[in-house]
Amino acid sequence: MRRTIFTTPGVNTLLRVFSIGFLRLTGWQLEGALPAHASKSVFIAAPHTSNWDLPYTLMVAFALRLNIHWMGKQSIFKAPFGGVMRWLGGIPVNRAQSNNLVAASAAAIKAADGPLQLIVPPEGTRSKTHYWKTGFYYIALQAEVPIVMAYMDYATKRSGLGPIFVPSGDIEADMVHIKAFYAPFKGKNAAQHE
C-alpha cells in the first residue's frame, strides 16, 4: 500500500503527541490495544453519524499506534483534496458501481507487507439506517483476518478497541453478537439515528 500519514516518519510522532494531548484535554478516554495477532484486521467503525468521526478516528489511531486505512465516498476524494484524503489513509468507494470491492480489499490486506487495519463503517452512511452493509464481514472472511470491534461513544467520550471477533461464516449468527456489542454506543448525532 502507498505511504500514509501513519507511515510518514516525523509527522507520525508529532501527530501522535498532538492527538494524545487533544483527546485528554477534551475529556476523551481511550480503551483497549491491538493484539499482535490482529495487526492485519478489519475494523468496524460504528456508530457513524457525523463528519467529526473522521478527525476523531485519526486521532485515536495515532494515540493507539495503528496503521489504518478507511473507506469513504468517492466525492470527498475530488480535487483539490483527493491527495490529502488518500494520504490520511482514505480509499475512495464509488457506491453507484457494483465492483468487487470486497475481493480487492481482502487481497490488499493479504498482500500488505506489514500491519494494516482497514476501517469499514457498516452503516455505509451518516444518515439513519437500520441495516448494516456486510462488506466488512466478507472482507475479513476472505482475507482470513479478525474483525476488531472499534467504537466511538460520544455520550461517554470513550473510544477504543473492543473485542476481537473471528467470523465463523454464519453471518446471521455472527451479526447478532456484533450488533449486540454496539447497541449501547451513541454517535455524535445519535438523535437522528434513534
Protein backbone atom coordinates (compact mmCIF):
# COMPACT_ATOMS: atom_id res chain seq x y z
CA MET A 1 0.00 0.00 0.00
CA ARG A 2 1.08 3.59 -0.53
CA ARG A 3 2.56 5.81 2.17
CA THR A 4 0.06 7.44 4.50
CA ILE A 5 0.21 9.91 7.34
CA PHE A 6 0.62 6.91 9.67
CA THR A 7 3.78 5.71 7.92
CA THR A 8 5.39 9.12 7.31
CA PRO A 9 8.36 9.44 9.72
CA GLY A 10 8.39 12.52 11.94
CA VAL A 11 4.83 13.51 11.05
CA ASN A 12 3.55 10.36 12.74
CA THR A 13 5.35 11.16 16.02
CA LEU A 14 4.27 14.80 16.05
CA LEU A 15 0.63 13.96 15.36
CA ARG A 16 0.63 11.21 17.98
CA VAL A 17 1.73 13.70 20.65
CA PHE A 18 -0.88 16.21 19.46
CA SER A 19 -3.64 13.58 19.34
CA ILE A 20 -2.97 12.28 22.85
CA GLY A 21 -2.91 15.82 24.22
CA PHE A 22 -6.07 16.93 22.41
CA LEU A 23 -8.07 13.86 23.41
CA ARG A 24 -7.03 14.23 27.06
CA LEU A 25 -7.83 17.96 27.12
CA THR A 26 -11.27 17.38 25.65
CA GLY A 27 -12.09 14.59 28.10
CA TRP A 28 -11.88 11.53 25.85
CA GLN A 29 -10.84 8.23 27.38
CA LEU A 30 -9.10 5.64 25.19
CA GLU A 31 -9.57 1.96 25.83
CA GLY A 32 -8.01 -1.24 24.54
CA ALA A 33 -4.96 -2.10 22.48
CA LEU A 34 -4.42 -4.02 19.28
CA PRO A 35 -3.11 -7.54 19.95
CA ALA A 36 -0.18 -8.66 17.78
CA HIS A 37 -2.28 -11.39 16.11
CA ALA A 38 -4.68 -8.68 14.83
CA SER A 39 -2.04 -6.43 13.23
CA LYS A 40 -3.80 -7.20 9.94
CA SER A 41 -7.53 -6.83 10.57
CA VAL A 42 -10.81 -5.24 9.61
CA PHE A 43 -12.17 -2.61 11.99
CA ILE A 44 -15.87 -1.94 12.33
CA ALA A 45 -16.41 1.83 12.64
CA ALA A 46 -19.70 2.32 14.44
CA PRO A 47 -21.76 4.21 15.13
CA HIS A 48 -21.06 6.59 12.22
CA THR A 49 -23.27 9.69 12.44
CA SER A 50 -21.07 12.73 11.80
CA ASN A 51 -18.25 14.16 9.71
CA TRP A 52 -16.43 14.62 13.04
CA ASP A 53 -15.96 10.85 13.18
CA LEU A 54 -13.01 11.06 10.76
CA PRO A 55 -10.78 13.52 12.67
CA TYR A 56 -11.52 11.77 15.96
CA THR A 57 -10.82 8.37 14.38
CA LEU A 58 -7.48 9.63 13.04
CA MET A 59 -6.50 10.96 16.48
CA VAL A 60 -7.49 7.71 18.20
CA ALA A 61 -5.47 5.79 15.58
CA PHE A 62 -2.38 7.91 16.28
CA ALA A 63 -2.80 7.55 20.04
CA LEU A 64 -3.16 3.75 19.79
CA ARG A 65 -0.30 3.42 17.24
CA LEU A 66 -2.48 1.97 14.49
CA ASN A 67 -1.84 1.88 10.73
CA ILE A 68 -5.35 2.47 9.43
CA HIS A 69 -6.92 2.78 6.03
CA TRP A 70 -10.55 3.80 5.76
CA MET A 71 -13.24 3.79 3.08
CA GLY A 72 -15.04 6.97 2.08
CA LYS A 73 -17.45 8.07 -0.60
CA GLN A 74 -15.73 8.94 -3.86
CA SER A 75 -16.87 12.58 -3.85
CA ILE A 76 -14.56 13.52 -0.94
CA PHE A 77 -11.56 12.42 -3.00
CA LYS A 78 -12.06 15.01 -5.75
CA ALA A 79 -9.57 17.85 -6.36
CA PRO A 80 -8.15 19.73 -4.61
CA PHE A 81 -8.30 17.45 -1.53
CA GLY A 82 -8.06 13.97 -3.10
CA GLY A 83 -4.33 13.57 -2.49
CA VAL A 84 -4.67 14.68 1.14
CA MET A 85 -7.55 12.28 1.77
CA ARG A 86 -5.50 9.38 0.34
CA TRP A 87 -2.50 10.42 2.47
CA LEU A 88 -4.83 10.32 5.50
CA GLY A 89 -5.42 6.64 4.67
CA GLY A 90 -8.58 7.07 2.60
CA ILE A 91 -9.73 4.67 -0.08
CA PRO A 92 -12.42 6.07 -2.42
CA VAL A 93 -15.56 3.98 -2.86
CA ASN A 94 -17.98 4.50 -5.73
CA ARG A 95 -21.31 3.42 -4.25
CA ALA A 96 -23.03 3.64 -7.66
CA GLN A 97 -20.92 0.88 -9.20
CA SER A 98 -21.16 -2.77 -8.32
CA ASN A 99 -17.47 -3.55 -8.39
CA ASN A 100 -15.71 -6.26 -6.46
CA LEU A 101 -14.62 -4.08 -3.56
CA VAL A 102 -14.68 -6.99 -1.12
CA ALA A 103 -12.23 -9.13 -3.11
CA ALA A 104 -9.93 -6.17 -3.84
CA SER A 105 -9.87 -5.12 -0.17
CA ALA A 106 -9.20 -8.66 1.04
CA ALA A 107 -6.37 -9.04 -1.49
CA ALA A 108 -4.82 -5.73 -0.38
CA ILE A 109 -4.83 -6.83 3.26
CA LYS A 110 -3.24 -10.18 2.41
CA ALA A 111 -0.59 -8.53 0.22
CA ALA A 112 0.41 -5.87 2.77
CA ASP A 113 4.00 -6.26 3.97
CA GLY A 114 3.27 -5.09 7.49
CA PRO A 115 0.42 -4.16 9.81
CA LEU A 116 -2.71 -2.85 8.15
CA GLN A 117 -6.10 -2.17 9.66
CA LEU A 118 -8.96 -1.45 7.26
CA ILE A 119 -11.78 0.59 8.80
CA VAL A 120 -15.23 -0.02 7.34
CA PRO A 121 -18.36 1.81 8.58
CA PRO A 122 -21.07 -0.88 8.28
CA GLU A 123 -23.87 1.67 8.13
CA GLY A 124 -22.34 2.95 4.87
CA THR A 125 -23.72 6.43 5.56
CA ARG A 126 -24.08 9.02 8.30
CA SER A 127 -27.86 9.05 7.75
CA LYS A 128 -30.29 6.98 9.78
CA THR A 129 -30.25 3.33 8.79
CA HIS A 130 -31.43 0.13 10.42
CA TYR A 131 -29.50 -2.09 8.03
CA TRP A 132 -25.76 -2.71 8.19
CA LYS A 133 -23.86 -3.43 5.00
CA THR A 134 -21.94 -6.70 5.32
CA GLY A 135 -18.83 -5.84 3.30
CA PHE A 136 -16.65 -5.61 6.43
CA TYR A 137 -17.61 -9.17 7.34
CA TYR A 138 -16.82 -10.67 3.94
CA ILE A 139 -13.56 -8.72 3.62
CA ALA A 140 -12.37 -10.22 6.92
CA LEU A 141 -13.58 -13.69 5.93
CA GLN A 142 -11.80 -13.61 2.55
CA ALA A 143 -8.63 -12.02 3.93
CA GLU A 144 -8.63 -14.56 6.79
CA VAL A 145 -8.17 -11.81 9.38
CA PRO A 146 -10.10 -10.98 12.54
CA ILE A 147 -12.65 -8.22 12.95
CA VAL A 148 -11.84 -5.61 15.61
CA MET A 149 -14.91 -4.03 17.15
CA ALA A 150 -13.75 -0.42 17.33
CA TYR A 151 -16.11 2.16 18.77
CA MET A 152 -16.59 5.84 19.48
CA ASP A 153 -19.19 6.70 22.12
CA TYR A 154 -19.83 10.46 22.16
CA ALA A 155 -22.23 10.16 25.12
CA THR A 156 -19.47 8.98 27.47
CA LYS A 157 -16.46 10.26 25.47
CA ARG A 158 -14.99 6.77 25.26
CA SER A 159 -13.29 5.38 22.19
CA GLY A 160 -11.13 2.41 21.53
CA LEU A 161 -10.82 -1.18 20.52
CA GLY A 162 -13.30 -3.72 21.80
CA PRO A 163 -13.22 -7.48 21.43
CA ILE A 164 -11.60 -9.31 18.56
CA PHE A 165 -14.18 -11.26 16.58
CA VAL A 166 -13.29 -14.12 14.25
CA PRO A 167 -16.03 -14.59 11.64
CA SER A 168 -17.43 -18.11 11.64
CA GLY A 169 -19.02 -17.94 8.19
CA ASP A 170 -22.51 -17.95 9.73
CA ILE A 171 -23.19 -14.27 9.11
CA GLU A 172 -26.67 -14.21 10.66
CA ALA A 173 -25.48 -15.62 13.99
CA ASP A 174 -22.30 -13.53 13.97
CA MET A 175 -24.18 -10.28 13.25
CA VAL A 176 -26.40 -10.83 16.29
CA HIS A 177 -23.30 -10.87 18.52
CA ILE A 178 -21.62 -7.95 16.74
CA LYS A 179 -24.70 -5.69 16.82
CA ALA A 180 -25.31 -6.52 20.49
CA PHE A 181 -21.84 -5.17 21.32
CA TYR A 182 -22.60 -1.87 19.56
CA ALA A 183 -26.12 -1.38 20.97
CA PRO A 184 -25.10 0.86 23.93
CA PHE A 185 -22.86 3.25 21.97
CA LYS A 186 -24.09 6.65 20.79
CA GLY A 187 -22.77 8.62 17.83
CA LYS A 188 -22.31 12.40 17.77
CA ASN A 189 -25.71 12.85 16.11
CA ALA A 190 -27.34 9.96 17.93
CA ALA A 191 -30.79 11.58 17.97
CA GLN A 192 -31.14 11.26 14.19
CA HIS A 193 -30.37 7.54 14.46
CA GLU A 194 -32.98 6.69 17.06
